[in-house]
């Protein structure tokens, strides 16, 4: 499969990005907020949910990916200790709450009740795979 590249400019696009980063893992040190650039960058190991299971591909995959948001006015975190850079976070979902259009809040939700809240001028996010895939050691499971 070719590397994934997605752009999100509205809530519907962001839901698609959210589905593609569900169960990605990253370290606290992989979060880089750049206030002068109004940007936050998250480097992650993304679980490749979109890869079809075929006879010749019996294993699930992960890929190194980068998700970044532009037009970020401010960030707040909850449940994330910046003093523990090697702590691993498991990304669950990304949600948007509208404010005065087109502004609002993007919540990046992790397991263990950890959250990054972005105050944004508008939704402007990009997700890009950086290289090849490798075999995932396990498949994430979710209770229904």
Protein backbone atom coordinates (compact mmCIF):
# COMPACT_ATOMS: atom_id res chain seq x y z
CA UNK A 1 0.00 0.00 0.00
CA UNK A 2 1.26 3.50 -0.74
CA UNK A 3 1.90 5.86 2.18
CA UNK A 4 -1.21 7.56 3.51
CA UNK A 5 -1.55 11.35 3.17
CA UNK A 6 -4.69 13.07 4.44
CA UNK A 7 -5.76 16.69 4.84
CA UNK A 8 -8.55 17.79 7.19
CA UNK A 9 -10.22 21.18 6.72
CA UNK A 10 -13.56 20.52 8.41
CA UNK A 11 -15.19 18.30 11.05
CA UNK A 12 -16.05 15.56 8.55
CA UNK A 13 -12.44 15.39 7.32
CA UNK A 14 -11.22 15.33 10.92
CA UNK A 15 -13.40 12.30 11.69
CA UNK A 16 -11.67 10.46 8.83
CA UNK A 17 -8.24 11.39 10.19
CA UNK A 18 -9.37 10.30 13.64
CA UNK A 19 -10.33 6.86 12.31
CA UNK A 20 -6.88 6.46 10.74
CA UNK A 21 -4.97 7.37 13.91
CA UNK A 22 -7.10 5.31 16.29
CA UNK A 23 -4.77 3.10 18.35
CA UNK A 24 -1.63 4.96 17.29
CA UNK A 25 1.03 5.01 19.99
CA UNK A 26 3.47 7.79 20.75
CA UNK A 27 5.76 8.95 23.53
CA UNK A 28 5.18 12.19 25.39
CA UNK A 29 8.50 13.37 23.89
CA UNK A 30 6.94 12.93 20.41
CA UNK A 31 4.60 15.88 21.01
CA UNK A 32 6.08 19.15 19.77
CA UNK A 33 4.09 22.36 20.28
CA UNK A 34 5.50 25.31 18.32
CA UNK A 35 3.58 28.40 19.46
CA UNK A 36 5.49 30.82 17.21
CA UNK A 37 4.38 28.73 14.20
CA UNK A 38 0.88 28.12 15.62
CA UNK A 39 1.53 24.41 15.09
CA UNK A 40 1.55 21.17 17.05
CA UNK A 41 3.24 18.07 15.68
CA UNK A 42 2.67 14.51 16.89
CA UNK A 43 4.98 11.76 15.63
CA UNK A 44 3.40 8.34 16.10
CA UNK A 45 3.38 4.69 15.23
CA UNK A 46 0.04 4.36 13.50
CA UNK A 47 -1.91 1.11 13.36
CA UNK A 48 -2.85 0.54 9.71
CA UNK A 49 -6.58 -0.14 9.99
CA UNK A 50 -7.19 0.52 6.29
CA UNK A 51 -4.93 -2.30 5.06
CA UNK A 52 -7.09 -5.10 3.70
CA UNK A 53 -6.43 -8.59 5.03
CA UNK A 54 -5.39 -10.80 2.17
CA UNK A 55 -4.02 -14.28 1.84
CA UNK A 56 -0.49 -12.97 1.22
CA UNK A 57 -0.64 -10.48 4.13
CA UNK A 58 -1.49 -12.35 7.29
CA UNK A 59 -0.12 -9.81 9.77
CA UNK A 60 -1.30 -6.40 10.87
CA UNK A 61 0.94 -3.39 10.31
CA UNK A 62 2.11 -0.18 11.90
CA UNK A 63 3.69 2.80 10.12
CA UNK A 64 5.64 5.79 11.37
CA UNK A 65 3.40 8.81 10.77
CA UNK A 66 3.17 12.48 11.60
CA UNK A 67 0.00 14.35 12.45
CA UNK A 68 0.14 18.11 12.67
CA UNK A 69 -2.35 20.86 13.28
CA UNK A 70 -1.84 24.42 12.07
CA UNK A 71 -3.56 27.62 13.23
CA UNK A 72 -3.29 26.54 16.86
CA UNK A 73 -3.82 29.49 19.19
CA UNK A 74 -3.30 27.63 22.50
CA UNK A 75 -2.95 24.16 23.98
CA UNK A 76 -3.92 22.58 27.28
CA UNK A 77 -3.13 19.10 28.49
CA UNK A 78 -4.70 16.86 31.08
CA UNK A 79 -3.25 13.58 32.32
CA UNK A 80 0.04 14.03 30.43
CA UNK A 81 3.24 14.51 32.44
CA UNK A 82 5.84 16.36 30.32
CA UNK A 83 8.42 15.31 32.93
CA UNK A 84 8.00 11.70 31.73
CA UNK A 85 9.12 11.97 28.09
CA UNK A 86 9.24 8.18 27.57
CA UNK A 87 5.69 7.56 28.79
CA UNK A 88 3.65 5.93 26.02
CA UNK A 89 0.25 7.33 25.02
CA UNK A 90 -2.37 5.39 23.08
CA UNK A 91 -4.50 7.61 20.87
CA UNK A 92 -8.22 6.85 20.93
CA UNK A 93 -9.91 9.62 18.94
CA UNK A 94 -9.86 13.22 17.78
CA UNK A 95 -12.96 15.37 18.27
CA UNK A 96 -13.91 18.91 17.26
CA UNK A 97 -16.15 21.26 19.23
CA UNK A 98 -17.24 24.32 17.28
CA UNK A 99 -16.82 27.79 18.72
CA UNK A 100 -17.34 31.01 16.80
CA UNK A 101 -17.09 29.66 13.24
CA UNK A 102 -14.69 28.58 11.91
CA UNK A 103 -12.82 28.50 15.25
CA UNK A 104 -13.23 25.89 17.94
CA UNK A 105 -11.49 23.23 19.99
CA UNK A 106 -9.81 20.02 18.89
CA UNK A 107 -9.54 17.37 21.59
CA UNK A 108 -6.95 14.63 21.08
CA UNK A 109 -8.07 11.83 23.39
CA UNK A 110 -5.76 9.14 24.76
CA UNK A 111 -6.35 6.11 26.95
CA UNK A 112 -6.07 6.71 30.69
CA UNK A 113 -8.10 9.96 30.45
CA UNK A 114 -5.20 11.91 28.94
CA UNK A 115 -6.17 14.76 26.61
CA UNK A 116 -4.60 17.50 24.55
CA UNK A 117 -7.02 20.36 23.84
CA UNK A 118 -6.17 22.70 20.99
CA UNK A 119 -7.81 26.08 20.57
CA UNK A 120 -7.80 26.55 16.80
CA UNK A 121 -8.65 29.38 14.41
CA UNK A 122 -10.06 26.68 12.12
CA UNK A 123 -9.46 23.01 11.37
CA UNK A 124 -6.26 22.53 9.41
CA UNK A 125 -4.63 19.14 9.98
CA UNK A 126 -2.39 16.85 7.97
CA UNK A 127 -1.57 13.19 8.48
CA UNK A 128 1.29 11.62 6.54
CA UNK A 129 3.04 8.26 6.67
CA UNK A 130 6.81 8.62 6.64
CA UNK A 131 8.03 5.25 5.51
CA UNK A 132 7.45 1.56 5.17
CA UNK A 133 5.31 -0.63 7.37
CA UNK A 134 6.37 -3.25 9.89
CA UNK A 135 4.51 -6.12 11.49
CA UNK A 136 2.40 -5.11 14.48
CA UNK A 137 3.02 -7.24 17.56
CA UNK A 138 -0.69 -7.26 18.40
CA UNK A 139 -4.05 -6.11 17.09
CA UNK A 140 -5.89 -3.53 19.24
CA UNK A 141 -9.18 -4.84 20.62
CA UNK A 142 -12.18 -2.72 21.56
CA UNK A 143 -15.24 -3.64 23.56
CA UNK A 144 -18.48 -2.99 21.77
